Amino acid sequence: MDCVVASWRGASGPPGLGPAQIAFWERTLAAATRTAQWKADLARYFWTEMYLAGADLRGYLERERTEMRAVLGELGLLSH
């Protein structure tokens, strides 16, 4: 199995956030990724733009977890 481990940045909130609070932060963080400063940082640090929120983010994290478990299992690094 080929695997590339990516370095990514994320933000998370405490349990119990309401829908309005979640929507606020999703809008705020999405807006931040559209700024000139963020785009300059993408170029400066050779980052790939990939803003995810909500169901898209949950799906991505689940796929990452599944893939990482497979890789670590192949390496014998997981205790069963």
PDB file of N, CA and C in Angstrom:
ATOM      1  N   MET A   1       0.847  -1.185   0.000  1.00  0.00           N
ATOM      2  CA  MET A   1       0.000   0.000   0.000  1.00  0.00           C
ATOM      3  C   MET A   1       0.881   1.233   0.000  1.00  0.00           C
ATOM      4  N   ASP A   2       0.598   2.150  -0.918  1.00  0.00           N
ATOM      5  CA  ASP A   2       1.290   3.434  -0.950  1.00  0.00           C
ATOM      6  C   ASP A   2       0.527   4.407  -0.077  1.00  0.00           C
ATOM      7  N   CYS A   3       1.254   5.192   0.663  1.00  0.00           N
ATOM      8  CA  CYS A   3       0.595   6.144   1.552  1.00  0.00           C
ATOM      9  C   CYS A   3       1.424   7.418   1.619  1.00  0.00           C
ATOM     10  N   VAL A   4       0.755   8.530   1.505  1.00  0.00           N
ATOM     11  CA  VAL A   4       1.382   9.825   1.694  1.00  0.00           C
ATOM     12  C   VAL A   4       0.720  10.462   2.906  1.00  0.00           C
ATOM     13  N   VAL A   5       1.513  10.812   3.879  1.00  0.00           N
ATOM     14  CA  VAL A   5       0.985  11.450   5.078  1.00  0.00           C
ATOM     15  C   VAL A   5       1.082  12.956   4.884  1.00  0.00           C
ATOM     16  N   ALA A   6      -0.047  13.605   4.970  1.00  0.00           N
ATOM     17  CA  ALA A   6      -0.090  15.051   4.771  1.00  0.00           C
ATOM     18  C   ALA A   6      -0.038  15.774   6.106  1.00  0.00           C
ATOM     19  N   SER A   7       0.507  16.958   6.060  1.00  0.00           N
ATOM     20  CA  SER A   7       0.478  17.834   7.221  1.00  0.00           C
ATOM     21  C   SER A   7      -0.665  18.806   6.991  1.00  0.00           C
ATOM     22  N   TRP A   8      -1.559  18.894   7.947  1.00  0.00           N
ATOM     23  CA  TRP A   8      -2.689  19.793   7.770  1.00  0.00           C
ATOM     24  C   TRP A   8      -2.962  20.547   9.051  1.00  0.00           C
ATOM     25  N   ARG A   9      -3.665  21.641   8.892  1.00  0.00           N
ATOM     26  CA  ARG A   9      -4.034  22.469  10.006  1.00  0.00           C
ATOM     27  C   ARG A   9      -5.532  22.373  10.199  1.00  0.00           C
ATOM     28  N   GLY A  10      -5.982  22.499  11.439  1.00  0.00           N
ATOM     29  CA  GLY A  10      -7.405  22.422  11.694  1.00  0.00           C
ATOM     30  C   GLY A  10      -7.800  23.212  12.919  1.00  0.00           C
ATOM     31  N   ALA A  11      -9.069  23.418  13.031  1.00  0.00           N
ATOM     32  CA  ALA A  11      -9.625  24.075  14.207  1.00  0.00           C
ATOM     33  C   ALA A  11     -10.776  23.213  14.701  1.00  0.00           C
ATOM     34  N   SER A  12     -10.900  23.110  15.998  1.00  0.00           N
ATOM     35  CA  SER A  12     -12.013  22.350  16.561  1.00  0.00           C
ATOM     36  C   SER A  12     -12.561  23.110  17.753  1.00  0.00           C
ATOM     37  N   GLY A  13     -13.788  22.823  18.070  1.00  0.00           N
ATOM     38  CA  GLY A  13     -14.453  23.490  19.183  1.00  0.00           C
ATOM     39  C   GLY A  13     -14.823  22.485  20.252  1.00  0.00           C
ATOM     40  N   PRO A  14     -15.293  22.974  21.368  1.00  0.00           N
ATOM     41  CA  PRO A  14     -15.667  22.094  22.469  1.00  0.00           C
ATOM     42  C   PRO A  14     -16.987  21.369  22.171  1.00  0.00           C
ATOM     43  N   PRO A  15     -17.223  20.270  22.849  1.00  0.00           N
ATOM     44  CA  PRO A  15     -18.515  19.589  22.687  1.00  0.00           C
ATOM     45  C   PRO A  15     -19.655  20.532  23.075  1.00  0.00           C
ATOM     46  N   GLY A  16     -20.785  20.335  22.449  1.00  0.00           N
ATOM     47  CA  GLY A  16     -21.963  21.101  22.816  1.00  0.00           C
ATOM     48  C   GLY A  16     -22.184  22.390  22.056  1.00  0.00           C
ATOM     49  N   LEU A  17     -21.353  22.680  21.066  1.00  0.00           N
ATOM     50  CA  LEU A  17     -21.606  23.879  20.264  1.00  0.00           C
ATOM     51  C   LEU A  17     -22.933  23.716  19.530  1.00  0.00           C
ATOM     52  N   GLY A  18     -23.695  24.778  19.489  1.00  0.00           N
ATOM     53  CA  GLY A  18     -24.976  24.749  18.799  1.00  0.00           C
ATOM     54  C   GLY A  18     -24.811  24.989  17.313  1.00  0.00           C
ATOM     55  N   PRO A  19     -25.851  24.701  16.538  1.00  0.00           N
ATOM     56  CA  PRO A  19     -25.792  24.897  15.084  1.00  0.00           C
ATOM     57  C   PRO A  19     -25.411  26.321  14.681  1.00  0.00           C
ATOM     58  N   ALA A  20     -25.913  27.318  15.392  1.00  0.00           N
ATOM     59  CA  ALA A  20     -25.569  28.709  15.053  1.00  0.00           C
ATOM     60  C   ALA A  20     -24.089  28.985  15.306  1.00  0.00           C
ATOM     61  N   GLN A  21     -23.561  28.446  16.383  1.00  0.00           N
ATOM     62  CA  GLN A  21     -22.134  28.637  16.685  1.00  0.00           C
ATOM     63  C   GLN A  21     -21.267  27.934  15.646  1.00  0.00           C
ATOM     64  N   ILE A  22     -21.641  26.726  15.282  1.00  0.00           N
ATOM     65  CA  ILE A  22     -20.888  25.987  14.260  1.00  0.00           C
ATOM     66  C   ILE A  22     -20.925  26.744  12.939  1.00  0.00           C
ATOM     67  N   ALA A  23     -22.095  27.214  12.552  1.00  0.00           N
ATOM     68  CA  ALA A  23     -22.228  27.964  11.299  1.00  0.00           C
ATOM     69  C   ALA A  23     -21.375  29.227  11.319  1.00  0.00           C
ATOM     70  N   PHE A  24     -21.357  29.923  12.467  1.00  0.00           N
ATOM     71  CA  PHE A  24     -20.524  31.127  12.589  1.00  0.00           C
ATOM     72  C   PHE A  24     -19.064  30.807  12.306  1.00  0.00           C
ATOM     73  N   TRP A  25     -18.544  29.768  12.948  1.00  0.00           N
ATOM     74  CA  TRP A  25     -17.127  29.442  12.776  1.00  0.00           C
ATOM     75  C   TRP A  25     -16.830  28.899  11.382  1.00  0.00           C
ATOM     76  N   GLU A  26     -17.741  28.149  10.820  1.00  0.00           N
ATOM     77  CA  GLU A  26     -17.525  27.683   9.447  1.00  0.00           C
ATOM     78  C   GLU A  26     -17.452  28.864   8.483  1.00  0.00           C
ATOM     79  N   ARG A  27     -18.353  29.847   8.646  1.00  0.00           N
ATOM     80  CA  ARG A  27     -18.314  31.048   7.795  1.00  0.00           C
ATOM     81  C   ARG A  27     -17.038  31.841   8.022  1.00  0.00           C
ATOM     82  N   THR A  28     -16.670  32.012   9.282  1.00  0.00           N
ATOM     83  CA  THR A  28     -15.493  32.813   9.627  1.00  0.00           C
ATOM     84  C   THR A  28     -14.218  32.181   9.070  1.00  0.00           C
ATOM     85  N   LEU A  29     -14.068  30.889   9.266  1.00  0.00           N
ATOM     86  CA  LEU A  29     -12.852  30.216   8.785  1.00  0.00           C
ATOM     87  C   LEU A  29     -12.831  30.131   7.266  1.00  0.00           C
ATOM     88  N   ALA A  30     -13.989  29.920   6.647  1.00  0.00           N
ATOM     89  CA  ALA A  30     -14.038  29.916   5.180  1.00  0.00           C
ATOM     90  C   ALA A  30     -13.636  31.286   4.642  1.00  0.00           C
ATOM     91  N   ALA A  31     -14.116  32.347   5.283  1.00  0.00           N
ATOM     92  CA  ALA A  31     -13.758  33.707   4.852  1.00  0.00           C
ATOM     93  C   ALA A  31     -12.252  33.940   5.003  1.00  0.00           C
ATOM     94  N   ALA A  32     -11.678  33.429   6.078  1.00  0.00           N
ATOM     95  CA  ALA A  32     -10.229  33.598   6.293  1.00  0.00           C
ATOM     96  C   ALA A  32      -9.425  32.948   5.173  1.00  0.00           C
ATOM     97  N   THR A  33      -9.928  31.844   4.632  1.00  0.00           N
ATOM     98  CA  THR A  33      -9.184  31.156   3.566  1.00  0.00           C
ATOM     99  C   THR A  33      -9.291  31.876   2.222  1.00  0.00           C
ATOM    100  N   ARG A  34     -10.123  32.894   2.165  1.00  0.00           N
ATOM    101  CA  ARG A  34     -10.245  33.672   0.925  1.00  0.00           C
ATOM    102  C   ARG A  34      -9.432  34.961   0.955  1.00  0.00           C
ATOM    103  N   THR A  35      -8.734  35.211   2.049  1.00  0.00           N
ATOM    104  CA  THR A  35      -7.977  36.462   2.163  1.00  0.00           C
ATOM    105  C   THR A  35      -6.661  36.391   1.398  1.00  0.00           C
ATOM    106  N   ALA A  36      -6.158  37.557   1.048  1.00  0.00           N
ATOM    107  CA  ALA A  36      -4.862  37.639   0.368  1.00  0.00           C
ATOM    108  C   ALA A  36      -3.757  37.090   1.258  1.00  0.00           C
ATOM    109  N   GLN A  37      -3.844  37.345   2.561  1.00  0.00           N
ATOM    110  CA  GLN A  37      -2.813  36.858   3.487  1.00  0.00           C
ATOM    111  C   GLN A  37      -2.755  35.335   3.492  1.00  0.00           C
ATOM    112  N   TRP A  38      -3.915  34.682   3.532  1.00  0.00           N
ATOM    113  CA  TRP A  38      -3.944  33.214   3.528  1.00  0.00           C
ATOM    114  C   TRP A  38      -3.373  32.683   2.221  1.00  0.00           C
ATOM    115  N   LYS A  39      -3.769  33.284   1.120  1.00  0.00           N
ATOM    116  CA  LYS A  39      -3.256  32.829  -0.176  1.00  0.00           C
ATOM    117  C   LYS A  39      -1.744  33.039  -0.269  1.00  0.00           C
ATOM    118  N   ALA A  40      -1.246  34.129   0.319  1.00  0.00           N
ATOM    119  CA  ALA A  40       0.199  34.356   0.338  1.00  0.00           C
ATOM    120  C   ALA A  40       0.898  33.296   1.183  1.00  0.00           C
ATOM    121  N   ASP A  41       0.290  32.937   2.307  1.00  0.00           N
ATOM    122  CA  ASP A  41       0.882  31.888   3.150  1.00  0.00           C
ATOM    123  C   ASP A  41       0.874  30.538   2.441  1.00  0.00           C
ATOM    124  N   LEU A  42      -0.173  30.253   1.686  1.00  0.00           N
ATOM    125  CA  LEU A  42      -0.200  29.006   0.908  1.00  0.00           C
ATOM    126  C   LEU A  42       1.008  28.938  -0.016  1.00  0.00           C
ATOM    127  N   ALA A  43       1.248  30.030  -0.724  1.00  0.00           N
ATOM    128  CA  ALA A  43       2.379  30.069  -1.652  1.00  0.00           C
ATOM    129  C   ALA A  43       3.710  30.028  -0.906  1.00  0.00           C
ATOM    130  N   ARG A  44       3.818  30.805   0.154  1.00  0.00           N
ATOM    131  CA  ARG A  44       5.076  30.898   0.896  1.00  0.00           C
ATOM    132  C   ARG A  44       5.513  29.551   1.474  1.00  0.00           C
ATOM    133  N   TYR A  45       4.559  28.789   2.005  1.00  0.00           N
ATOM    134  CA  TYR A  45       4.894  27.527   2.669  1.00  0.00           C
ATOM    135  C   TYR A  45       4.633  26.308   1.800  1.00  0.00           C
ATOM    136  N   PHE A  46       4.284  26.535   0.529  1.00  0.00           N
ATOM    137  CA  PHE A  46       4.019  25.452  -0.412  1.00  0.00           C
ATOM    138  C   PHE A  46       2.895  24.543   0.079  1.00  0.00           C
ATOM    139  N   TRP A  47       1.869  25.141   0.690  1.00  0.00           N
ATOM    140  CA  TRP A  47       0.717  24.396   1.169  1.00  0.00           C
ATOM    141  C   TRP A  47      -0.276  24.209   0.031  1.00  0.00           C
ATOM    142  N   THR A  48      -1.005  23.125   0.076  1.00  0.00           N
ATOM    143  CA  THR A  48      -2.087  22.880  -0.866  1.00  0.00           C
ATOM    144  C   THR A  48      -3.380  23.380  -0.247  1.00  0.00           C
ATOM    145  N   GLU A  49      -4.126  24.163  -1.003  1.00  0.00           N
ATOM    146  CA  GLU A  49      -5.387  24.681  -0.484  1.00  0.00           C
ATOM    147  C   GLU A  49      -6.421  23.555  -0.439  1.00  0.00           C
ATOM    148  N   MET A  50      -7.013  23.360   0.744  1.00  0.00           N
ATOM    149  CA  MET A  50      -8.020  22.317   0.895  1.00  0.00           C
ATOM    150  C   MET A  50      -8.872  22.635   2.121  1.00  0.00           C
ATOM    151  N   TYR A  51      -9.767  23.585   1.991  1.00  0.00           N
ATOM    152  CA  TYR A  51     -10.639  23.928   3.106  1.00  0.00           C
ATOM    153  C   TYR A  51     -11.812  22.956   3.122  1.00  0.00           C
ATOM    154  N   LEU A  52     -12.021  22.300   4.247  1.00  0.00           N
ATOM    155  CA  LEU A  52     -13.149  21.381   4.414  1.00  0.00           C
ATOM    156  C   LEU A  52     -13.882  21.723   5.703  1.00  0.00           C
ATOM    157  N   ALA A  53     -15.182  21.546   5.683  1.00  0.00           N
ATOM    158  CA  ALA A  53     -16.003  21.758   6.878  1.00  0.00           C
ATOM    159  C   ALA A  53     -17.166  20.776   6.837  1.00  0.00           C
ATOM    160  N   GLY A  54     -17.801  20.601   7.960  1.00  0.00           N
ATOM    161  CA  GLY A  54     -19.015  19.788   8.035  1.00  0.00           C
ATOM    162  C   GLY A  54     -18.809  18.358   7.585  1.00  0.00           C
ATOM    163  N   ALA A  55     -19.748  17.868   6.778  1.00  0.00           N
ATOM    164  CA  ALA A  55     -19.727  16.476   6.324  1.00  0.00           C
ATOM    165  C   ALA A  55     -18.479  16.168   5.496  1.00  0.00           C
ATOM    166  N   ASP A  56     -18.013  17.126   4.700  1.00  0.00           N
ATOM    167  CA  ASP A  56     -16.798  16.903   3.908  1.00  0.00           C
ATOM    168  C   ASP A  56     -15.598  16.649   4.815  1.00  0.00           C
ATOM    169  N   LEU A  57     -15.491  17.440   5.876  1.00  0.00           N
ATOM    170  CA  LEU A  57     -14.383  17.262   6.820  1.00  0.00           C
ATOM    171  C   LEU A  57     -14.503  15.933   7.549  1.00  0.00           C
ATOM    172  N   ARG A  58     -15.704  15.606   8.011  1.00  0.00           N
ATOM    173  CA  ARG A  58     -15.886  14.334   8.714  1.00  0.00           C
ATOM    174  C   ARG A  58     -15.523  13.151   7.819  1.00  0.00           C
ATOM    175  N   GLY A  59     -15.925  13.184   6.565  1.00  0.00           N
ATOM    176  CA  GLY A  59     -15.581  12.119   5.625  1.00  0.00           C
ATOM    177  C   GLY A  59     -14.083  12.014   5.409  1.00  0.00           C
ATOM    178  N   TYR A  60     -13.426  13.161   5.244  1.00  0.00           N
ATOM    179  CA  TYR A  60     -11.973  13.184   5.048  1.00  0.00           C
ATOM    180  C   TYR A  60     -11.253  12.581   6.260  1.00  0.00           C
ATOM    181  N   LEU A  61     -11.656  12.986   7.455  1.00  0.00           N
ATOM    182  CA  LEU A  61     -10.995  12.484   8.664  1.00  0.00           C
ATOM    183  C   LEU A  61     -11.218  10.982   8.830  1.00  0.00           C
ATOM    184  N   GLU A  62     -12.381  10.501   8.477  1.00  0.00           N
ATOM    185  CA  GLU A  62     -12.637   9.062   8.558  1.00  0.00           C
ATOM    186  C   GLU A  62     -11.772   8.292   7.567  1.00  0.00           C
ATOM    187  N   ARG A  63     -11.634   8.804   6.350  1.00  0.00           N
ATOM    188  CA  ARG A  63     -10.756   8.151   5.364  1.00  0.00           C
ATOM    189  C   ARG A  63      -9.300   8.172   5.840  1.00  0.00           C
ATOM    190  N   GLU A  64      -8.863   9.294   6.408  1.00  0.00           N
ATOM    191  CA  GLU A  64      -7.495   9.376   6.939  1.00  0.00           C
ATOM    192  C   GLU A  64      -7.282   8.361   8.063  1.00  0.00           C
ATOM    193  N   ARG A  65      -8.261   8.260   8.951  1.00  0.00           N
ATOM    194  CA  ARG A  65      -8.159   7.312  10.061  1.00  0.00           C
ATOM    195  C   ARG A  65      -8.064   5.880   9.542  1.00  0.00           C
ATOM    196  N   THR A  66      -8.907   5.542   8.586  1.00  0.00           N
ATOM    197  CA  THR A  66      -8.906   4.197   8.018  1.00  0.00           C
ATOM    198  C   THR A  66      -7.562   3.892   7.350  1.00  0.00           C
ATOM    199  N   GLU A  67      -7.079   4.833   6.560  1.00  0.00           N
ATOM    200  CA  GLU A  67      -5.808   4.632   5.861  1.00  0.00           C
ATOM    201  C   GLU A  67      -4.642   4.527   6.847  1.00  0.00           C
ATOM    202  N   MET A  68      -4.623   5.380   7.851  1.00  0.00           N
ATOM    203  CA  MET A  68      -3.530   5.360   8.821  1.00  0.00           C
ATOM    204  C   MET A  68      -3.533   4.058   9.615  1.00  0.00           C
ATOM    205  N   ARG A  69      -4.719   3.580   9.993  1.00  0.00           N
ATOM    206  CA  ARG A  69      -4.794   2.297  10.698  1.00  0.00           C
ATOM    207  C   ARG A  69      -4.240   1.171   9.832  1.00  0.00           C
ATOM    208  N   ALA A  70      -4.555   1.191   8.543  1.00  0.00           N
ATOM    209  CA  ALA A  70      -4.059   0.154   7.635  1.00  0.00           C
ATOM    210  C   ALA A  70      -2.533   0.201   7.549  1.00  0.00           C
ATOM    211  N   VAL A  71      -1.993   1.388   7.384  1.00  0.00           N
ATOM    212  CA  VAL A  71      -0.539   1.535   7.271  1.00  0.00           C
ATOM    213  C   VAL A  71       0.154   1.116   8.570  1.00  0.00           C
ATOM    214  N   LEU A  72      -0.337   1.615   9.687  1.00  0.00           N
ATOM    215  CA  LEU A  72       0.274   1.260  10.973  1.00  0.00           C
ATOM    216  C   LEU A  72       0.129  -0.230  11.257  1.00  0.00           C
ATOM    217  N   GLY A  73      -0.979  -0.818  10.827  1.00  0.00           N
ATOM    218  CA  GLY A  73      -1.160  -2.257  10.982  1.00  0.00           C
ATOM    219  C   GLY A  73      -0.150  -3.038  10.161  1.00  0.00           C
ATOM    220  N   GLU A  74       0.061  -2.626   8.922  1.00  0.00           N
ATOM    221  CA  GLU A  74       1.059  -3.293   8.065  1.00  0.00           C
ATOM    222  C   GLU A  74       2.454  -3.192   8.663  1.00  0.00           C
ATOM    223  N   LEU A  75       2.729  -2.124   9.348  1.00  0.00           N
ATOM    224  CA  LEU A  75       4.046  -1.941   9.968  1.00  0.00           C
ATOM    225  C   LEU A  75       4.152  -2.639  11.319  1.00  0.00           C
ATOM    226  N   GLY A  76       3.060  -3.207  11.778  1.00  0.00           N
ATOM    227  CA  GLY A  76       3.052  -3.892  13.073  1.00  0.00           C
ATOM    228  C   GLY A  76       3.087  -2.945  14.251  1.00  0.00           C
ATOM    229  N   LEU A  77       2.585  -1.735  14.057  1.00  0.00           N
ATOM    230  CA  LEU A  77       2.656  -0.737  15.111  1.00  0.00           C
ATOM    231  C   LEU A  77       1.351  -0.578  15.913  1.00  0.00           C
ATOM    232  N   LEU A  78       0.359  -1.390  15.586  1.00  0.00           N
ATOM    233  CA  LEU A  78      -0.893  -1.343  16.326  1.00  0.00           C
ATOM    234  C   LEU A  78      -0.984  -2.544  17.253  1.00  0.00           C
ATOM    235  N   SER A  79      -1.442  -2.310  18.459  1.00  0.00           N
ATOM    236  CA  SER A  79      -1.678  -3.431  19.356  1.00  0.00           C
ATOM    237  C   SER A  79      -3.129  -3.862  19.153  1.00  0.00           C
ATOM    238  N   HIS A  80      -3.347  -5.141  19.093  1.00  0.00           N
ATOM    239  CA  HIS A  80      -4.719  -5.648  18.812  1.00  0.00           C
ATOM    240  C   HIS A  80      -5.354  -6.141  20.062  1.00  0.00           C
TER     241      HIS A  80
END
